Amino acid sequence: MVDKIAVIIGGNSGVGKKMAQDLIQKNYRIIIVGRNERKGEAVVQQLKQLNSTSQGSFLQADLSTKVAIADFAEQVADLVDHIDVLVSTMGILQETQVLTEEGYDQNFVLNYLAHF
């Protein structure tokens, strides 16, 4: 039975993906969180090849609004009763300004505010 749970926001590439690979080999249950379902599911399949006895899953989430963040928190709470490791490596870089539904610059929201 897997009792250690890691939620990795931005885990479908880079540092987050490497963290997921390392933690699944230590028998953590991994929940990858990202916007791109195709990439996220591909990482989950790679994780299952590294450790077939641990669980890996993908949760699609766009954390660019307060409502989306609250929905994400509820989804995680529905999936697990605790979190042992929370990693947030998400980030974006858009060359042109894109505003969220709440009127904030999306770069600022996803690279700074959403982490808190």
PDB file of N, CA and C in Angstrom:
ATOM      1  N   MET A   1       0.833  -1.182   0.000  1.00  0.00           N
ATOM      2  CA  MET A   1       0.000   0.000   0.000  1.00  0.00           C
ATOM      3  C   MET A   1       0.881   1.250   0.000  1.00  0.00           C
ATOM      4  N   VAL A   2       0.548   2.183  -0.860  1.00  0.00           N
ATOM      5  CA  VAL A   2       1.297   3.420  -0.964  1.00  0.00           C
ATOM      6  C   VAL A   2       0.719   4.421   0.022  1.00  0.00           C
ATOM      7  N   ASP A   3       1.567   4.937   0.906  1.00  0.00           N
ATOM      8  CA  ASP A   3       1.040   5.899   1.870  1.00  0.00           C
ATOM      9  C   ASP A   3       1.674   7.277   1.740  1.00  0.00           C
ATOM     10  N   LYS A   4       2.723   7.397   0.948  1.00  0.00           N
ATOM     11  CA  LYS A   4       3.348   8.696   0.724  1.00  0.00           C
ATOM     12  C   LYS A   4       2.797   9.276  -0.573  1.00  0.00           C
ATOM     13  N   ILE A   5       2.357  10.523  -0.507  1.00  0.00           N
ATOM     14  CA  ILE A   5       1.713  11.144  -1.664  1.00  0.00           C
ATOM     15  C   ILE A   5       2.433  12.439  -2.012  1.00  0.00           C
ATOM     16  N   ALA A   6       2.759  12.586  -3.300  1.00  0.00           N
ATOM     17  CA  ALA A   6       3.384  13.812  -3.798  1.00  0.00           C
ATOM     18  C   ALA A   6       2.509  14.415  -4.884  1.00  0.00           C
ATOM     19  N   VAL A   7       2.219  15.690  -4.746  1.00  0.00           N
ATOM     20  CA  VAL A   7       1.505  16.446  -5.771  1.00  0.00           C
ATOM     21  C   VAL A   7       2.530  17.370  -6.414  1.00  0.00           C
ATOM     22  N   ILE A   8       2.689  17.234  -7.729  1.00  0.00           N
ATOM     23  CA  ILE A   8       3.710  18.005  -8.432  1.00  0.00           C
ATOM     24  C   ILE A   8       3.035  18.871  -9.488  1.00  0.00           C
ATOM     25  N   ILE A   9       2.949  20.151  -9.197  1.00  0.00           N
ATOM     26  CA  ILE A   9       2.334  21.116 -10.106  1.00  0.00           C
ATOM     27  C   ILE A   9       3.400  21.530 -11.118  1.00  0.00           C
ATOM     28  N   GLY A  10       3.110  21.318 -12.386  1.00  0.00           N
ATOM     29  CA  GLY A  10       4.108  21.564 -13.421  1.00  0.00           C
ATOM     30  C   GLY A  10       5.022  20.365 -13.591  1.00  0.00           C
ATOM     31  N   GLY A  11       4.500  19.190 -13.288  1.00  0.00           N
ATOM     32  CA  GLY A  11       5.311  17.975 -13.318  1.00  0.00           C
ATOM     33  C   GLY A  11       5.411  17.296 -14.668  1.00  0.00           C
ATOM     34  N   ASN A  12       4.906  17.920 -15.719  1.00  0.00           N
ATOM     35  CA  ASN A  12       4.978  17.250 -17.011  1.00  0.00           C
ATOM     36  C   ASN A  12       6.208  17.650 -17.819  1.00  0.00           C
ATOM     37  N   SER A  13       7.135  18.400 -17.210  1.00  0.00           N
ATOM     38  CA  SER A  13       8.401  18.693 -17.882  1.00  0.00           C
ATOM     39  C   SER A  13       9.414  19.219 -16.860  1.00  0.00           C
ATOM     40  N   GLY A  14      10.649  19.285 -17.277  1.00  0.00           N
ATOM     41  CA  GLY A  14      11.712  19.916 -16.500  1.00  0.00           C
ATOM     42  C   GLY A  14      11.928  19.376 -15.102  1.00  0.00           C
ATOM     43  N   VAL A  15      12.137  20.284 -14.169  1.00  0.00           N
ATOM     44  CA  VAL A  15      12.437  19.934 -12.778  1.00  0.00           C
ATOM     45  C   VAL A  15      11.294  19.138 -12.153  1.00  0.00           C
ATOM     46  N   GLY A  16      10.058  19.533 -12.430  1.00  0.00           N
ATOM     47  CA  GLY A  16       8.911  18.815 -11.876  1.00  0.00           C
ATOM     48  C   GLY A  16       8.860  17.369 -12.328  1.00  0.00           C
ATOM     49  N   LYS A  17       9.144  17.139 -13.595  1.00  0.00           N
ATOM     50  CA  LYS A  17       9.148  15.770 -14.130  1.00  0.00           C
ATOM     51  C   LYS A  17      10.248  14.946 -13.460  1.00  0.00           C
ATOM     52  N   LYS A  18      11.417  15.539 -13.294  1.00  0.00           N
ATOM     53  CA  LYS A  18      12.527  14.840 -12.638  1.00  0.00           C
ATOM     54  C   LYS A  18      12.177  14.511 -11.186  1.00  0.00           C
ATOM     55  N   MET A  19      11.527  15.444 -10.493  1.00  0.00           N
ATOM     56  CA  MET A  19      11.087  15.176  -9.117  1.00  0.00           C
ATOM     57  C   MET A  19      10.123  13.992  -9.092  1.00  0.00           C
ATOM     58  N   ALA A  20       9.194  13.968 -10.037  1.00  0.00           N
ATOM     59  CA  ALA A  20       8.228  12.869 -10.107  1.00  0.00           C
ATOM     60  C   ALA A  20       8.941  11.542 -10.330  1.00  0.00           C
ATOM     61  N   GLN A  21       9.917  11.528 -11.226  1.00  0.00           N
ATOM     62  CA  GLN A  21      10.668  10.302 -11.497  1.00  0.00           C
ATOM     63  C   GLN A  21      11.412   9.824 -10.255  1.00  0.00           C
ATOM     64  N   ASP A  22      12.030  10.743  -9.541  1.00  0.00           N
ATOM     65  CA  ASP A  22      12.764  10.373  -8.329  1.00  0.00           C
ATOM     66  C   ASP A  22      11.828   9.872  -7.226  1.00  0.00           C
ATOM     67  N   LEU A  23      10.713  10.559  -7.036  1.00  0.00           N
ATOM     68  CA  LEU A  23       9.801  10.187  -5.952  1.00  0.00           C
ATOM     69  C   LEU A  23       9.057   8.886  -6.225  1.00  0.00           C
ATOM     70  N   ILE A  24       8.723   8.603  -7.471  1.00  0.00           N
ATOM     71  CA  ILE A  24       8.012   7.351  -7.741  1.00  0.00           C
ATOM     72  C   ILE A  24       8.934   6.158  -7.494  1.00  0.00           C
ATOM     73  N   GLN A  25      10.223   6.353  -7.694  1.00  0.00           N
ATOM     74  CA  GLN A  25      11.172   5.277  -7.402  1.00  0.00           C
ATOM     75  C   GLN A  25      11.329   5.059  -5.898  1.00  0.00           C
ATOM     76  N   LYS A  26      10.858   6.017  -5.105  1.00  0.00           N
ATOM     77  CA  LYS A  26      10.854   5.882  -3.647  1.00  0.00           C
ATOM     78  C   LYS A  26       9.466   5.495  -3.142  1.00  0.00           C
ATOM     79  N   ASN A  27       8.653   4.970  -4.065  1.00  0.00           N
ATOM     80  CA  ASN A  27       7.315   4.432  -3.773  1.00  0.00           C
ATOM     81  C   ASN A  27       6.279   5.473  -3.370  1.00  0.00           C
ATOM     82  N   TYR A  28       6.445   6.694  -3.811  1.00  0.00           N
ATOM     83  CA  TYR A  28       5.413   7.709  -3.606  1.00  0.00           C
ATOM     84  C   TYR A  28       4.294   7.517  -4.619  1.00  0.00           C
ATOM     85  N   ARG A  29       3.098   7.845  -4.215  1.00  0.00           N
ATOM     86  CA  ARG A  29       1.992   8.003  -5.159  1.00  0.00           C
ATOM     87  C   ARG A  29       2.141   9.412  -5.728  1.00  0.00           C
ATOM     88  N   ILE A  30       2.179   9.517  -7.040  1.00  0.00           N
ATOM     89  CA  ILE A  30       2.444  10.791  -7.698  1.00  0.00           C
ATOM     90  C   ILE A  30       1.186  11.311  -8.384  1.00  0.00           C
ATOM     91  N   ILE A  31       0.878  12.577  -8.147  1.00  0.00           N
ATOM     92  CA  ILE A  31      -0.184  13.260  -8.886  1.00  0.00           C
ATOM     93  C   ILE A  31       0.477  14.409  -9.640  1.00  0.00           C
ATOM     94  N   ILE A  32       0.519  14.260 -10.961  1.00  0.00           N
ATOM     95  CA  ILE A  32       1.068  15.297 -11.829  1.00  0.00           C
ATOM     96  C   ILE A  32      -0.053  16.286 -12.138  1.00  0.00           C
ATOM     97  N   VAL A  33       0.235  17.563 -12.019  1.00  0.00           N
ATOM     98  CA  VAL A  33      -0.759  18.603 -12.302  1.00  0.00           C
ATOM     99  C   VAL A  33      -0.227  19.491 -13.422  1.00  0.00           C
ATOM    100  N   GLY A  34      -1.058  19.702 -14.432  1.00  0.00           N
ATOM    101  CA  GLY A  34      -0.654  20.565 -15.538  1.00  0.00           C
ATOM    102  C   GLY A  34      -1.829  20.942 -16.415  1.00  0.00           C
ATOM    103  N   ARG A  35      -1.554  21.792 -17.384  1.00  0.00           N
ATOM    104  CA  ARG A  35      -2.609  22.228 -18.301  1.00  0.00           C
ATOM    105  C   ARG A  35      -2.740  21.303 -19.499  1.00  0.00           C
ATOM    106  N   ASN A  36      -1.641  20.672 -19.909  1.00  0.00           N
ATOM    107  CA  ASN A  36      -1.625  19.874 -21.128  1.00  0.00           C
ATOM    108  C   ASN A  36      -1.850  18.401 -20.802  1.00  0.00           C
ATOM    109  N   GLU A  37      -3.049  17.917 -21.087  1.00  0.00           N
ATOM    110  CA  GLU A  37      -3.407  16.541 -20.734  1.00  0.00           C
ATOM    111  C   GLU A  37      -2.542  15.517 -21.459  1.00  0.00           C
ATOM    112  N   ARG A  38      -2.259  15.743 -22.734  1.00  0.00           N
ATOM    113  CA  ARG A  38      -1.454  14.792 -23.508  1.00  0.00           C
ATOM    114  C   ARG A  38      -0.070  14.623 -22.882  1.00  0.00           C
ATOM    115  N   LYS A  39       0.588  15.736 -22.569  1.00  0.00           N
ATOM    116  CA  LYS A  39       1.915  15.665 -21.956  1.00  0.00           C
ATOM    117  C   LYS A  39       1.852  15.039 -20.567  1.00  0.00           C
ATOM    118  N   GLY A  40       0.838  15.401 -19.802  1.00  0.00           N
ATOM    119  CA  GLY A  40       0.700  14.862 -18.453  1.00  0.00           C
ATOM    120  C   GLY A  40       0.496  13.362 -18.441  1.00  0.00           C
ATOM    121  N   GLU A  41      -0.373  12.878 -19.303  1.00  0.00           N
ATOM    122  CA  GLU A  41      -0.628  11.435 -19.376  1.00  0.00           C
ATOM    123  C   GLU A  41       0.611  10.687 -19.865  1.00  0.00           C
ATOM    124  N   ALA A  42       1.381  11.300 -20.766  1.00  0.00           N
ATOM    125  CA  ALA A  42       2.619  10.671 -21.238  1.00  0.00           C
ATOM    126  C   ALA A  42       3.612  10.515 -20.090  1.00  0.00           C
ATOM    127  N   VAL A  43       3.716  11.517 -19.238  1.00  0.00           N
ATOM    128  CA  VAL A  43       4.616  11.433 -18.084  1.00  0.00           C
ATOM    129  C   VAL A  43       4.139  10.348 -17.125  1.00  0.00           C
ATOM    130  N   VAL A  44       2.844  10.250 -16.913  1.00  0.00           N
ATOM    131  CA  VAL A  44       2.302   9.210 -16.028  1.00  0.00           C
ATOM    132  C   VAL A  44       2.680   7.827 -16.556  1.00  0.00           C
ATOM    133  N   GLN A  45       2.593   7.616 -17.860  1.00  0.00           N
ATOM    134  CA  GLN A  45       2.974   6.324 -18.436  1.00  0.00           C
ATOM    135  C   GLN A  45       4.462   6.048 -18.220  1.00  0.00           C
ATOM    136  N   GLN A  46       5.296   7.072 -18.361  1.00  0.00           N
ATOM    137  CA  GLN A  46       6.728   6.915 -18.102  1.00  0.00           C
ATOM    138  C   GLN A  46       6.982   6.561 -16.642  1.00  0.00           C
ATOM    139  N   LEU A  47       6.243   7.180 -15.737  1.00  0.00           N
ATOM    140  CA  LEU A  47       6.405   6.891 -14.314  1.00  0.00           C
ATOM    141  C   LEU A  47       6.039   5.451 -14.003  1.00  0.00           C
ATOM    142  N   LYS A  48       4.981   4.952 -14.626  1.00  0.00           N
ATOM    143  CA  LYS A  48       4.550   3.570 -14.394  1.00  0.00           C
ATOM    144  C   LYS A  48       5.605   2.582 -14.865  1.00  0.00           C
ATOM    145  N   GLN A  49       6.381   2.956 -15.888  1.00  0.00           N
ATOM    146  CA  GLN A  49       7.468   2.091 -16.341  1.00  0.00           C
ATOM    147  C   GLN A  49       8.615   2.074 -15.333  1.00  0.00           C
ATOM    148  N   LEU A  50       8.801   3.170 -14.626  1.00  0.00           N
ATOM    149  CA  LEU A  50       9.859   3.238 -13.615  1.00  0.00           C
ATOM    150  C   LEU A  50       9.517   2.437 -12.365  1.00  0.00           C
ATOM    151  N   ASN A  51       8.233   2.403 -12.007  1.00  0.00           N
ATOM    152  CA  ASN A  51       7.808   1.686 -10.807  1.00  0.00           C
ATOM    153  C   ASN A  51       6.353   1.271 -10.986  1.00  0.00           C
ATOM    154  N   SER A  52       6.161   0.027 -11.353  1.00  0.00           N
ATOM    155  CA  SER A  52       4.801  -0.452 -11.647  1.00  0.00           C
ATOM    156  C   SER A  52       3.974  -0.677 -10.384  1.00  0.00           C
ATOM    157  N   THR A  53       4.601  -0.652  -9.209  1.00  0.00           N
ATOM    158  CA  THR A  53       3.838  -0.879  -7.981  1.00  0.00           C
ATOM    159  C   THR A  53       3.310   0.416  -7.365  1.00  0.00           C
ATOM    160  N   SER A  54       3.856   1.553  -7.768  1.00  0.00           N
ATOM    161  CA  SER A  54       3.370   2.841  -7.264  1.00  0.00           C
ATOM    162  C   SER A  54       2.353   3.425  -8.231  1.00  0.00           C
ATOM    163  N   GLN A  55       1.502   4.280  -7.706  1.00  0.00           N
ATOM    164  CA  GLN A  55       0.467   4.894  -8.532  1.00  0.00           C
ATOM    165  C   GLN A  55       0.926   6.244  -9.058  1.00  0.00           C
ATOM    166  N   GLY A  56       0.535   6.505 -10.287  1.00  0.00           N
ATOM    167  CA  GLY A  56       0.759   7.814 -10.884  1.00  0.00           C
ATOM    168  C   GLY A  56      -0.520   8.244 -11.566  1.00  0.00           C
ATOM    169  N   SER A  57      -0.858   9.512 -11.449  1.00  0.00           N
ATOM    170  CA  SER A  57      -2.061  10.006 -12.119  1.00  0.00           C
ATOM    171  C   SER A  57      -1.846  11.452 -12.539  1.00  0.00           C
ATOM    172  N   PHE A  58      -2.702  11.902 -13.446  1.00  0.00           N
ATOM    173  CA  PHE A  58      -2.621  13.262 -13.956  1.00  0.00           C
ATOM    174  C   PHE A  58      -3.901  13.999 -13.627  1.00  0.00           C
ATOM    175  N   LEU A  59      -3.751  15.238 -13.210  1.00  0.00           N
ATOM    176  CA  LEU A  59      -4.885  16.104 -12.920  1.00  0.00           C
ATOM    177  C   LEU A  59      -4.721  17.365 -13.757  1.00  0.00           C
ATOM    178  N   GLN A  60      -5.652  17.575 -14.685  1.00  0.00           N
ATOM    179  CA  GLN A  60      -5.575  18.753 -15.539  1.00  0.00           C
ATOM    180  C   GLN A  60      -6.104  19.961 -14.777  1.00  0.00           C
ATOM    181  N   ALA A  61      -5.311  21.034 -14.775  1.00  0.00           N
ATOM    182  CA  ALA A  61      -5.721  22.246 -14.065  1.00  0.00           C
ATOM    183  C   ALA A  61      -5.038  23.459 -14.670  1.00  0.00           C
ATOM    184  N   ASP A  62      -5.797  24.523 -14.835  1.00  0.00           N
ATOM    185  CA  ASP A  62      -5.272  25.819 -15.242  1.00  0.00           C
ATOM    186  C   ASP A  62      -5.429  26.723 -14.024  1.00  0.00           C
ATOM    187  N   LEU A  63      -4.336  27.045 -13.390  1.00  0.00           N
ATOM    188  CA  LEU A  63      -4.376  27.752 -12.110  1.00  0.00           C
ATOM    189  C   LEU A  63      -4.258  29.265 -12.271  1.00  0.00           C
ATOM    190  N   SER A  64      -4.892  29.797 -13.303  1.00  0.00           N
ATOM    191  CA  SER A  64      -4.746  31.224 -13.591  1.00  0.00           C
ATOM    192  C   SER A  64      -5.814  32.104 -12.940  1.00  0.00           C
ATOM    193  N   THR A  65      -6.773  31.504 -12.226  1.00  0.00           N
ATOM    194  CA  THR A  65      -7.776  32.307 -11.518  1.00  0.00           C
ATOM    195  C   THR A  65      -7.977  31.756 -10.111  1.00  0.00           C
ATOM    196  N   LYS A  66      -8.498  32.581  -9.233  1.00  0.00           N
ATOM    197  CA  LYS A  66      -8.772  32.135  -7.863  1.00  0.00           C
ATOM    198  C   LYS A  66      -9.783  30.996  -7.850  1.00  0.00           C
ATOM    199  N   VAL A  67     -10.778  31.083  -8.711  1.00  0.00           N
ATOM    200  CA  VAL A  67     -11.793  30.026  -8.787  1.00  0.00           C
ATOM    201  C   VAL A  67     -11.155  28.712  -9.227  1.00  0.00           C
ATOM    202  N   ALA A  68     -10.271  28.775 -10.224  1.00  0.00           N
ATOM    203  CA  ALA A  68      -9.603  27.567 -10.707  1.00  0.00           C
ATOM    204  C   ALA A  68      -8.719  26.956  -9.625  1.00  0.00           C
ATOM    205  N   ILE A  69      -8.060  27.793  -8.844  1.00  0.00           N
ATOM    206  CA  ILE A  69      -7.207  27.295  -7.759  1.00  0.00           C
ATOM    207  C   ILE A  69      -8.058  26.613  -6.692  1.00  0.00           C
ATOM    208  N   ALA A  70      -9.186  27.212  -6.347  1.00  0.00           N
ATOM    209  CA  ALA A  70     -10.094  26.602  -5.364  1.00  0.00           C
ATOM    210  C   ALA A  70     -10.640  25.277  -5.881  1.00  0.00           C
ATOM    211  N   ASP A  71     -11.010  25.219  -7.158  1.00  0.00           N
ATOM    212  CA  ASP A  71     -11.493  23.968  -7.754  1.00  0.00           C
ATOM    213  C   ASP A  71     -10.409  22.897  -7.724  1.00  0.00           C
ATOM    214  N   PHE A  72      -9.182  23.304  -8.039  1.00  0.00           N
ATOM    215  CA  PHE A  72      -8.050  22.379  -8.010  1.00  0.00           C
ATOM    216  C   PHE A  72      -7.856  21.813  -6.603  1.00  0.00           C
ATOM    217  N   ALA A  73      -7.909  22.663  -5.598  1.00  0.00           N
ATOM    218  CA  ALA A  73      -7.739  22.213  -4.211  1.00  0.00           C
ATOM    219  C   ALA A  73      -8.821  21.204  -3.836  1.00  0.00           C
ATOM    220  N   GLU A  74     -10.044  21.442  -4.262  1.00  0.00           N
ATOM    221  CA  GLU A  74     -11.134  20.498  -3.989  1.00  0.00           C
ATOM    222  C   GLU A  74     -10.911  19.169  -4.693  1.00  0.00           C
ATOM    223  N   GLN A  75     -10.426  19.217  -5.933  1.00  0.00           N
ATOM    224  CA  GLN A  75     -10.159  17.978  -6.672  1.00  0.00           C
ATOM    225  C   GLN A  75      -9.091  17.147  -5.970  1.00  0.00           C
ATOM    226  N   VAL A  76      -8.041  17.805  -5.511  1.00  0.00           N
ATOM    227  CA  VAL A  76      -6.978  17.082  -4.804  1.00  0.00           C
ATOM    228  C   VAL A  76      -7.522  16.493  -3.506  1.00  0.00           C
ATOM    229  N   ALA A  77      -8.307  17.262  -2.774  1.00  0.00           N
ATOM    230  CA  ALA A  77      -8.892  16.774  -1.517  1.00  0.00           C
ATOM    231  C   ALA A  77      -9.810  15.580  -1.754  1.00  0.00           C
ATOM    232  N   ASP A  78     -10.467  15.535  -2.901  1.00  0.00           N
ATOM    233  CA  ASP A  78     -11.312  14.386  -3.238  1.00  0.00           C
ATOM    234  C   ASP A  78     -10.484  13.151  -3.570  1.00  0.00           C
ATOM    235  N   LEU A  79      -9.264  13.357  -4.068  1.00  0.00           N
ATOM    236  CA  LEU A  79      -8.409  12.238  -4.468  1.00  0.00           C
ATOM    237  C   LEU A  79      -7.632  11.631  -3.305  1.00  0.00           C
ATOM    238  N   VAL A  80      -7.160  12.482  -2.399  1.00  0.00           N
ATOM    239  CA  VAL A  80      -6.271  12.012  -1.328  1.00  0.00           C
ATOM    240  C   VAL A  80      -6.667  12.624   0.009  1.00  0.00           C
ATOM    241  N   ASP A  81      -6.288  11.938   1.086  1.00  0.00           N
ATOM    242  CA  ASP A  81      -6.606  12.451   2.420  1.00  0.00           C
ATOM    243  C   ASP A  81      -5.464  13.255   3.036  1.00  0.00           C
ATOM    244  N   HIS A  82      -4.298  13.230   2.374  1.00  0.00           N
ATOM    245  CA  HIS A  82      -3.162  14.020   2.844  1.00  0.00           C
ATOM    246  C   HIS A  82      -2.165  14.189   1.700  1.00  0.00           C
ATOM    247  N   ILE A  83      -1.239  15.115   1.884  1.00  0.00           N
ATOM    248  CA  ILE A  83      -0.142  15.321   0.939  1.00  0.00           C
ATOM    249  C   ILE A  83       1.146  15.348   1.746  1.00  0.00           C
ATOM    250  N   ASP A  84       2.104  14.503   1.353  1.00  0.00           N
ATOM    251  CA  ASP A  84       3.400  14.490   2.032  1.00  0.00           C
ATOM    252  C   ASP A  84       4.380  15.470   1.395  1.00  0.00           C
ATOM    253  N   VAL A  85       4.319  15.570   0.070  1.00  0.00           N
ATOM    254  CA  VAL A  85       5.228  16.448  -0.662  1.00  0.00           C
ATOM    255  C   VAL A  85       4.410  17.251  -1.664  1.00  0.00           C
ATOM    256  N   LEU A  86       4.581  18.564  -1.638  1.00  0.00           N
ATOM    257  CA  LEU A  86       3.946  19.443  -2.618  1.00  0.00           C
ATOM    258  C   LEU A  86       5.052  20.208  -3.330  1.00  0.00           C
ATOM    259  N   VAL A  87       5.134  20.016  -4.639  1.00  0.00           N
ATOM    260  CA  VAL A  87       6.148  20.671  -5.453  1.00  0.00           C
ATOM    261  C   VAL A  87       5.434  21.554  -6.468  1.00  0.00           C
ATOM    262  N   SER A  88       5.853  22.798  -6.571  1.00  0.00           N
ATOM    263  CA  SER A  88       5.261  23.693  -7.564  1.00  0.00           C
ATOM    264  C   SER A  88       6.362  24.247  -8.451  1.00  0.00           C
ATOM    265  N   THR A  89       6.481  23.684  -9.638  1.00  0.00           N
ATOM    266  CA  THR A  89       7.501  24.133 -10.588  1.00  0.00           C
ATOM    267  C   THR A  89       6.871  24.743 -11.825  1.00  0.00           C
ATOM    268  N   MET A  90       5.581  25.027 -11.743  1.00  0.00           N
ATOM    269  CA  MET A  90       4.910  25.574 -12.922  1.00  0.00           C
ATOM    270  C   MET A  90       5.424  26.967 -13.227  1.00  0.00           C
ATOM    271  N   GLY A  91       5.322  27.305 -14.482  1.00  0.00           N
ATOM    272  CA  GLY A  91       5.705  28.633 -14.909  1.00  0.00           C
ATOM    273  C   GLY A  91       5.464  28.787 -16.400  1.00  0.00           C
ATOM    274  N   ILE A  92       5.278  30.014 -16.803  1.00  0.00           N
ATOM    275  CA  ILE A  92       5.090  30.301 -18.221  1.00  0.00           C
ATOM    276  C   ILE A  92       5.870  31.557 -18.572  1.00  0.00           C
ATOM    277  N   LEU A  93       6.076  31.767 -19.851  1.00  0.00           N
ATOM    278  CA  LEU A  93       6.666  33.005 -20.342  1.00  0.00           C
ATOM    279  C   LEU A  93       5.971  33.349 -21.644  1.00  0.00           C
ATOM    280  N   GLN A  94       5.114  34.327 -21.572  1.00  0.00           N
ATOM    281  CA  GLN A  94       4.413  34.792 -22.766  1.00  0.00           C
ATOM    282  C   GLN A  94       5.003  36.129 -23.175  1.00  0.00           C
ATOM    283  N   GLU A  95       5.305  36.260 -24.458  1.00  0.00           N
ATOM    284  CA  GLU A  95       5.927  37.486 -24.944  1.00  0.00           C
ATOM    285  C   GLU A  95       4.949  38.653 -25.002  1.00  0.00           C
ATOM    286  N   THR A  96       3.677  38.353 -25.196  1.00  0.00           N
ATOM    287  CA  THR A  96       2.672  39.414 -25.212  1.00  0.00           C
ATOM    288  C   THR A  96       1.820  39.289 -23.958  1.00  0.00           C
ATOM    289  N   GLN A  97       1.288  40.396 -23.518  1.00  0.00           N
ATOM    290  CA  GLN A  97       0.487  40.379 -22.300  1.00  0.00           C
ATOM    291  C   GLN A  97      -0.862  39.705 -22.553  1.00  0.00           C
ATOM    292  N   VAL A  98      -1.163  38.745 -21.700  1.00  0.00           N
ATOM    293  CA  VAL A  98      -2.455  38.065 -21.716  1.00  0.00           C
ATOM    294  C   VAL A  98      -3.056  38.261 -20.332  1.00  0.00           C
ATOM    295  N   LEU A  99      -4.292  38.739 -20.291  1.00  0.00           N
ATOM    296  CA  LEU A  99      -4.946  38.973 -19.008  1.00  0.00           C
ATOM    297  C   LEU A  99      -5.834  37.794 -18.635  1.00  0.00           C
ATOM    298  N   THR A 100      -5.865  37.479 -17.354  1.00  0.00           N
ATOM    299  CA  THR A 100      -6.761  36.436 -16.856  1.00  0.00           C
ATOM    300  C   THR A 100      -8.181  36.988 -16.806  1.00  0.00           C
ATOM    301  N   GLU A 101      -9.128  36.118 -16.496  1.00  0.00           N
ATOM    302  CA  GLU A 101     -10.522  36.546 -16.341  1.00  0.00           C
ATOM    303  C   GLU A 101     -10.653  37.637 -15.276  1.00  0.00           C
ATOM    304  N   GLU A 102      -9.737  37.620 -14.311  1.00  0.00           N
ATOM    305  CA  GLU A 102      -9.775  38.591 -13.214  1.00  0.00           C
ATOM    306  C   GLU A 102      -9.031  39.879 -13.544  1.00  0.00           C
ATOM    307  N   GLY A 103      -8.446  39.958 -14.754  1.00  0.00           N
ATOM    308  CA  GLY A 103      -7.770  41.172 -15.188  1.00  0.00           C
ATOM    309  C   GLY A 103      -6.301  41.275 -14.834  1.00  0.00           C
ATOM    310  N   TYR A 104      -5.688  40.180 -14.381  1.00  0.00           N
ATOM    311  CA  TYR A 104      -4.271  40.186 -14.035  1.00  0.00           C
ATOM    312  C   TYR A 104      -3.440  39.633 -15.191  1.00  0.00           C
ATOM    313  N   ASP A 105      -2.192  40.064 -15.263  1.00  0.00           N
ATOM    314  CA  ASP A 105      -1.270  39.523 -16.255  1.00  0.00           C
ATOM    315  C   ASP A 105      -1.039  38.042 -15.965  1.00  0.00           C
ATOM    316  N   GLN A 106      -1.235  37.196 -16.978  1.00  0.00           N
ATOM    317  CA  GLN A 106      -1.142  35.750 -16.771  1.00  0.00           C
ATOM    318  C   GLN A 106       0.260  35.308 -16.353  1.00  0.00           C
ATOM    319  N   ASN A 107       1.302  35.945 -16.890  1.00  0.00           N
ATOM    320  CA  ASN A 107       2.661  35.617 -16.457  1.00  0.00           C
ATOM    321  C   ASN A 107       2.803  35.806 -14.947  1.00  0.00           C
ATOM    322  N   PHE A 108       2.333  36.938 -14.446  1.00  0.00           N
ATOM    323  CA  PHE A 108       2.437  37.251 -13.021  1.00  0.00           C
ATOM    324  C   PHE A 108       1.630  36.267 -12.179  1.00  0.00           C
ATOM    325  N   VAL A 109       0.426  35.969 -12.623  1.00  0.00           N
ATOM    326  CA  VAL A 109      -0.440  35.066 -11.858  1.00  0.00           C
ATOM    327  C   VAL A 109       0.174  33.679 -11.757  1.00  0.00           C
ATOM    328  N   LEU A 110       0.570  33.103 -12.893  1.00  0.00           N
ATOM    329  CA  LEU A 110       1.058  31.720 -12.872  1.00  0.00           C
ATOM    330  C   LEU A 110       2.470  31.588 -12.323  1.00  0.00           C
ATOM    331  N   ASN A 111       3.295  32.597 -12.499  1.00  0.00           N
ATOM    332  CA  ASN A 111       4.673  32.500 -12.023  1.00  0.00           C
ATOM    333  C   ASN A 111       4.854  32.969 -10.584  1.00  0.00           C
ATOM    334  N   TYR A 112       3.865  33.697 -10.061  1.00  0.00           N
ATOM    335  CA  TYR A 112       4.004  34.205  -8.700  1.00  0.00           C
ATOM    336  C   TYR A 112       2.779  33.926  -7.833  1.00  0.00           C
ATOM    337  N   LEU A 113       1.641  34.491  -8.166  1.00  0.00           N
ATOM    338  CA  LEU A 113       0.468  34.419  -7.285  1.00  0.00           C
ATOM    339  C   LEU A 113      -0.055  33.006  -7.068  1.00  0.00           C
ATOM    340  N   ALA A 114      -0.143  32.213  -8.110  1.00  0.00           N
ATOM    341  CA  ALA A 114      -0.769  30.892  -7.995  1.00  0.00           C
ATOM    342  C   ALA A 114      -0.028  29.966  -7.033  1.00  0.00           C
ATOM    343  N   HIS A 115       1.238  30.216  -6.815  1.00  0.00           N
ATOM    344  CA  HIS A 115       2.008  29.377  -5.889  1.00  0.00           C
ATOM    345  C   HIS A 115       1.546  29.550  -4.450  1.00  0.00           C
ATOM    346  N   PHE A 116       0.909  30.665  -4.177  1.00  0.00           N
ATOM    347  CA  PHE A 116       0.498  30.958  -2.815  1.00  0.00           C
ATOM    348  C   PHE A 116      -0.988  30.826  -2.659  1.00  0.00           C
TER     349      PHE A 116
END
